[in-house]
Amino acid sequence: MASSSFASASVAIVAPPSRVWDVLVHVEQWPEWTPTVAAVERLDTGPLAVGSRTRILQPRLRPAVWQVTELDQAKGVFVWIAHSPGITVTGGHYIHPTPLGSHATLTIEFSGLLAPLVRLKIGKLTRQYVQTEAESLKQRSETWRQQRTGS
């Protein structure tokens, strides 16, 4: 089975890693801050954990069920996968502390027999979405105080 990293975007965020993590793991709130996610449905209860499943609807894409495979706040790692016949999509979210706050990297990998076809069909859209999500994560993480206080 072929595997390759396909899309990646990184941003510097003027917010502590704990805040960026908080934004990421509350996946049910993603439609509030990124235009690349239209709807989210958690398929289990409680905090996000390894094994948690979430159905996500994105514009111009089929709905997908994502299952968390790695979730470690101390390491700043959140990885999940979605399966369709002939393809596995892996979404990675990585947060590292910096002197001014955080550095976040988002990645998408395609693997499986249909990976080359999927890259050809939705590659440009995927790269656009990953970049938009990184920029939206930055904005949401940096403006959380204003959102909470209403100022």
C-alpha atoms as a PDB file:
ATOM      1  CA  MET A   1       0.000   0.000   0.000  1.00  0.00           C
ATOM      2  CA  ALA A   2       1.487   3.307  -1.078  1.00  0.00           C
ATOM      3  CA  SER A   3       1.586   6.200   1.372  1.00  0.00           C
ATOM      4  CA  SER A   4       2.687   9.781   0.888  1.00  0.00           C
ATOM      5  CA  SER A   5       2.378  13.068   2.674  1.00  0.00           C
ATOM      6  CA  PHE A   6       0.352  15.212   0.363  1.00  0.00           C
ATOM      7  CA  ALA A   7      -0.592  18.536   1.903  1.00  0.00           C
ATOM      8  CA  SER A   8       0.956  20.474   4.755  1.00  0.00           C
ATOM      9  CA  ALA A   9       0.582  23.979   6.176  1.00  0.00           C
ATOM     10  CA  SER A  10       2.341  25.608   9.107  1.00  0.00           C
ATOM     11  CA  VAL A  11       1.600  28.794  11.010  1.00  0.00           C
ATOM     12  CA  ALA A  12       3.082  30.750  13.890  1.00  0.00           C
ATOM     13  CA  ILE A  13       0.424  31.483  16.499  1.00  0.00           C
ATOM     14  CA  VAL A  14       0.670  34.128  19.212  1.00  0.00           C
ATOM     15  CA  ALA A  15      -1.123  31.961  21.777  1.00  0.00           C
ATOM     16  CA  PRO A  16       0.085  29.280  24.173  1.00  0.00           C
ATOM     17  CA  PRO A  17       0.051  25.661  22.973  1.00  0.00           C
ATOM     18  CA  SER A  18      -2.673  24.864  25.524  1.00  0.00           C
ATOM     19  CA  ARG A  19      -5.030  27.321  23.823  1.00  0.00           C
ATOM     20  CA  VAL A  20      -4.295  25.995  20.329  1.00  0.00           C
ATOM     21  CA  TRP A  21      -4.853  22.461  21.654  1.00  0.00           C
ATOM     22  CA  ASP A  22      -8.175  23.517  23.176  1.00  0.00           C
ATOM     23  CA  VAL A  23      -9.327  24.906  19.834  1.00  0.00           C
ATOM     24  CA  LEU A  24      -8.289  21.746  17.969  1.00  0.00           C
ATOM     25  CA  VAL A  25      -9.781  19.098  20.256  1.00  0.00           C
ATOM     26  CA  HIS A  26     -13.198  20.733  20.460  1.00  0.00           C
ATOM     27  CA  VAL A  27     -13.927  19.473  16.945  1.00  0.00           C
ATOM     28  CA  GLU A  28     -17.649  20.112  17.277  1.00  0.00           C
ATOM     29  CA  GLN A  29     -16.816  23.851  17.170  1.00  0.00           C
ATOM     30  CA  TRP A  30     -14.794  23.725  13.937  1.00  0.00           C
ATOM     31  CA  PRO A  31     -17.668  25.022  11.752  1.00  0.00           C
ATOM     32  CA  GLU A  32     -17.572  28.214  13.872  1.00  0.00           C
ATOM     33  CA  TRP A  33     -14.018  29.081  12.895  1.00  0.00           C
ATOM     34  CA  THR A  34     -13.097  27.457   9.578  1.00  0.00           C
ATOM     35  CA  PRO A  35     -15.059  27.709   6.333  1.00  0.00           C
ATOM     36  CA  THR A  36     -13.702  24.301   5.257  1.00  0.00           C
ATOM     37  CA  VAL A  37     -16.007  22.489   7.695  1.00  0.00           C
ATOM     38  CA  ALA A  38     -19.769  22.765   7.190  1.00  0.00           C
ATOM     39  CA  ALA A  39     -20.963  20.349   9.896  1.00  0.00           C
ATOM     40  CA  VAL A  40     -19.556  18.116  12.624  1.00  0.00           C
ATOM     41  CA  GLU A  41     -21.257  15.269  14.467  1.00  0.00           C
ATOM     42  CA  ARG A  42     -19.485  13.518  17.316  1.00  0.00           C
ATOM     43  CA  LEU A  43     -20.394   9.823  17.218  1.00  0.00           C
ATOM     44  CA  ASP A  44     -19.515   9.217  20.867  1.00  0.00           C
ATOM     45  CA  THR A  45     -19.726  11.130  24.130  1.00  0.00           C
ATOM     46  CA  GLY A  46     -17.142  12.680  26.402  1.00  0.00           C
ATOM     47  CA  PRO A  47     -13.882  14.411  25.596  1.00  0.00           C
ATOM     48  CA  LEU A  48     -12.067  13.535  22.395  1.00  0.00           C
ATOM     49  CA  ALA A  49      -9.877  10.465  22.991  1.00  0.00           C
ATOM     50  CA  VAL A  50      -8.081   7.740  21.050  1.00  0.00           C
ATOM     51  CA  GLY A  51     -10.842   5.764  19.354  1.00  0.00           C
ATOM     52  CA  SER A  52     -13.308   8.698  19.250  1.00  0.00           C
ATOM     53  CA  ARG A  53     -15.205   9.013  15.986  1.00  0.00           C
ATOM     54  CA  THR A  54     -16.541  12.166  14.350  1.00  0.00           C
ATOM     55  CA  ARG A  55     -18.519  12.631  11.128  1.00  0.00           C
ATOM     56  CA  ILE A  56     -17.416  15.724   9.215  1.00  0.00           C
ATOM     57  CA  LEU A  57     -19.094  17.362   6.243  1.00  0.00           C
ATOM     58  CA  GLN A  58     -16.901  19.628   4.147  1.00  0.00           C
ATOM     59  CA  PRO A  59     -17.975  21.685   1.136  1.00  0.00           C
ATOM     60  CA  ARG A  60     -17.371  19.874  -2.172  1.00  0.00           C
ATOM     61  CA  LEU A  61     -16.377  16.605  -0.405  1.00  0.00           C
ATOM     62  CA  ARG A  62     -18.270  13.513   0.696  1.00  0.00           C
ATOM     63  CA  PRO A  63     -19.019  13.198   4.409  1.00  0.00           C
ATOM     64  CA  ALA A  64     -16.282  11.279   6.224  1.00  0.00           C
ATOM     65  CA  VAL A  65     -16.030   9.567   9.585  1.00  0.00           C
ATOM     66  CA  TRP A  66     -12.710  10.328  11.275  1.00  0.00           C
ATOM     67  CA  GLN A  67     -11.339   8.161  14.093  1.00  0.00           C
ATOM     68  CA  VAL A  68      -8.680   9.445  16.478  1.00  0.00           C
ATOM     69  CA  THR A  69      -5.548   7.274  16.404  1.00  0.00           C
ATOM     70  CA  GLU A  70      -3.205   9.461  18.463  1.00  0.00           C
ATOM     71  CA  LEU A  71      -3.991  12.205  20.949  1.00  0.00           C
ATOM     72  CA  ASP A  72      -1.274  13.506  23.247  1.00  0.00           C
ATOM     73  CA  GLN A  73      -1.472  17.069  24.543  1.00  0.00           C
ATOM     74  CA  ALA A  74       1.983  16.879  26.165  1.00  0.00           C
ATOM     75  CA  LYS A  75       3.523  16.087  22.766  1.00  0.00           C
ATOM     76  CA  GLY A  76       1.126  18.367  20.871  1.00  0.00           C
ATOM     77  CA  VAL A  77      -0.040  15.552  18.582  1.00  0.00           C
ATOM     78  CA  PHE A  78      -3.586  14.890  17.320  1.00  0.00           C
ATOM     79  CA  VAL A  79      -3.923  12.382  14.464  1.00  0.00           C
ATOM     80  CA  TRP A  80      -7.032  10.813  12.995  1.00  0.00           C
ATOM     81  CA  ILE A  81      -7.948   8.716   9.975  1.00  0.00           C
ATOM     82  CA  ALA A  82     -10.879   8.323   7.603  1.00  0.00           C
ATOM     83  CA  HIS A  83     -11.434   5.247   5.436  1.00  0.00           C
ATOM     84  CA  SER A  84     -13.230   4.814   2.131  1.00  0.00           C
ATOM     85  CA  PRO A  85     -12.927   1.864  -0.234  1.00  0.00           C
ATOM     86  CA  GLY A  86      -9.376   1.896  -1.610  1.00  0.00           C
ATOM     87  CA  ILE A  87      -8.220   4.952   0.349  1.00  0.00           C
ATOM     88  CA  THR A  88      -7.199   5.969   3.852  1.00  0.00           C
ATOM     89  CA  VAL A  89      -6.823   9.640   4.674  1.00  0.00           C
ATOM     90  CA  THR A  90      -4.692  10.616   7.663  1.00  0.00           C
ATOM     91  CA  GLY A  91      -5.053  14.086   9.164  1.00  0.00           C
ATOM     92  CA  GLY A  92      -2.281  15.291  11.446  1.00  0.00           C
ATOM     93  CA  HIS A  93      -2.266  18.269  13.791  1.00  0.00           C
ATOM     94  CA  TYR A  94       1.042  19.126  15.492  1.00  0.00           C
ATOM     95  CA  ILE A  95       1.627  21.932  17.999  1.00  0.00           C
ATOM     96  CA  HIS A  96       5.028  23.025  19.300  1.00  0.00           C
ATOM     97  CA  PRO A  97       5.808  25.801  21.798  1.00  0.00           C
ATOM     98  CA  THR A  98       7.778  28.830  20.622  1.00  0.00           C
ATOM     99  CA  PRO A  99       9.084  31.888  22.473  1.00  0.00           C
ATOM    100  CA  LEU A 100       6.096  33.894  21.173  1.00  0.00           C
ATOM    101  CA  GLY A 101       3.461  31.182  21.584  1.00  0.00           C
ATOM    102  CA  SER A 102       3.049  28.198  19.288  1.00  0.00           C
ATOM    103  CA  HIS A 103       3.823  26.738  15.923  1.00  0.00           C
ATOM    104  CA  ALA A 104       1.131  24.527  14.360  1.00  0.00           C
ATOM    105  CA  THR A 105       1.479  22.201  11.398  1.00  0.00           C
ATOM    106  CA  LEU A 106      -1.495  20.505   9.741  1.00  0.00           C
ATOM    107  CA  THR A 107      -1.012  17.609   7.324  1.00  0.00           C
ATOM    108  CA  ILE A 108      -3.048  15.311   5.106  1.00  0.00           C
ATOM    109  CA  GLU A 109      -1.768  11.992   3.793  1.00  0.00           C
ATOM    110  CA  PHE A 110      -3.471   9.662   1.324  1.00  0.00           C
ATOM    111  CA  SER A 111      -2.691   5.950   1.214  1.00  0.00           C
ATOM    112  CA  GLY A 112      -4.161   2.934  -0.515  1.00  0.00           C
ATOM    113  CA  LEU A 113      -4.727   1.763  -4.066  1.00  0.00           C
ATOM    114  CA  LEU A 114      -6.809   4.795  -5.020  1.00  0.00           C
ATOM    115  CA  ALA A 115      -4.472   7.383  -3.474  1.00  0.00           C
ATOM    116  CA  PRO A 116      -3.029   8.545  -6.831  1.00  0.00           C
ATOM    117  CA  LEU A 117      -6.520   9.019  -8.280  1.00  0.00           C
ATOM    118  CA  VAL A 118      -7.746  10.891  -5.188  1.00  0.00           C
ATOM    119  CA  ARG A 119      -4.698  13.177  -5.263  1.00  0.00           C
ATOM    120  CA  LEU A 120      -5.433  13.932  -8.914  1.00  0.00           C
ATOM    121  CA  LYS A 121      -9.147  14.525  -8.351  1.00  0.00           C
ATOM    122  CA  ILE A 122      -9.126  16.621  -5.145  1.00  0.00           C
ATOM    123  CA  GLY A 123      -5.471  17.513  -4.665  1.00  0.00           C
ATOM    124  CA  LYS A 124      -5.773  21.244  -5.287  1.00  0.00           C
ATOM    125  CA  LEU A 125      -8.857  21.498  -3.061  1.00  0.00           C
ATOM    126  CA  THR A 126      -7.118  19.511  -0.307  1.00  0.00           C
ATOM    127  CA  ARG A 127      -4.088  21.806  -0.318  1.00  0.00           C
ATOM    128  CA  GLN A 128      -6.374  24.866  -0.215  1.00  0.00           C
ATOM    129  CA  TYR A 129      -8.359  23.418   2.689  1.00  0.00           C
ATOM    130  CA  VAL A 130      -5.271  22.574   4.747  1.00  0.00           C
ATOM    131  CA  GLN A 131      -3.890  26.100   4.259  1.00  0.00           C
ATOM    132  CA  THR A 132      -7.243  27.686   5.127  1.00  0.00           C
ATOM    133  CA  GLU A 133      -7.576  25.504   8.223  1.00  0.00           C
ATOM    134  CA  ALA A 134      -4.094  26.477   9.450  1.00  0.00           C
ATOM    135  CA  GLU A 135      -4.840  30.183   8.951  1.00  0.00           C
ATOM    136  CA  SER A 136      -8.257  29.807  10.604  1.00  0.00           C
ATOM    137  CA  LEU A 137      -6.707  27.962  13.562  1.00  0.00           C
ATOM    138  CA  LYS A 138      -4.262  30.845  13.988  1.00  0.00           C
ATOM    139  CA  GLN A 139      -7.045  33.429  13.935  1.00  0.00           C
ATOM    140  CA  ARG A 140      -9.291  31.495  16.348  1.00  0.00           C
ATOM    141  CA  SER A 141      -6.449  30.769  18.774  1.00  0.00           C
ATOM    142  CA  GLU A 142      -5.197  34.349  18.815  1.00  0.00           C
ATOM    143  CA  THR A 143      -8.610  35.950  19.303  1.00  0.00           C
ATOM    144  CA  TRP A 144     -10.083  33.692  21.976  1.00  0.00           C
ATOM    145  CA  ARG A 145     -10.002  36.370  24.698  1.00  0.00           C
ATOM    146  CA  GLN A 146     -12.124  38.727  22.632  1.00  0.00           C
ATOM    147  CA  GLN A 147     -14.570  35.924  21.852  1.00  0.00           C
ATOM    148  CA  ARG A 148     -14.941  34.960  25.506  1.00  0.00           C
ATOM    149  CA  THR A 149     -15.233  38.488  26.896  1.00  0.00           C
ATOM    150  CA  GLY A 150     -17.195  39.947  24.016  1.00  0.00           C
ATOM    151  CA  SER A 151     -14.716  42.813  23.538  1.00  0.00           C
END
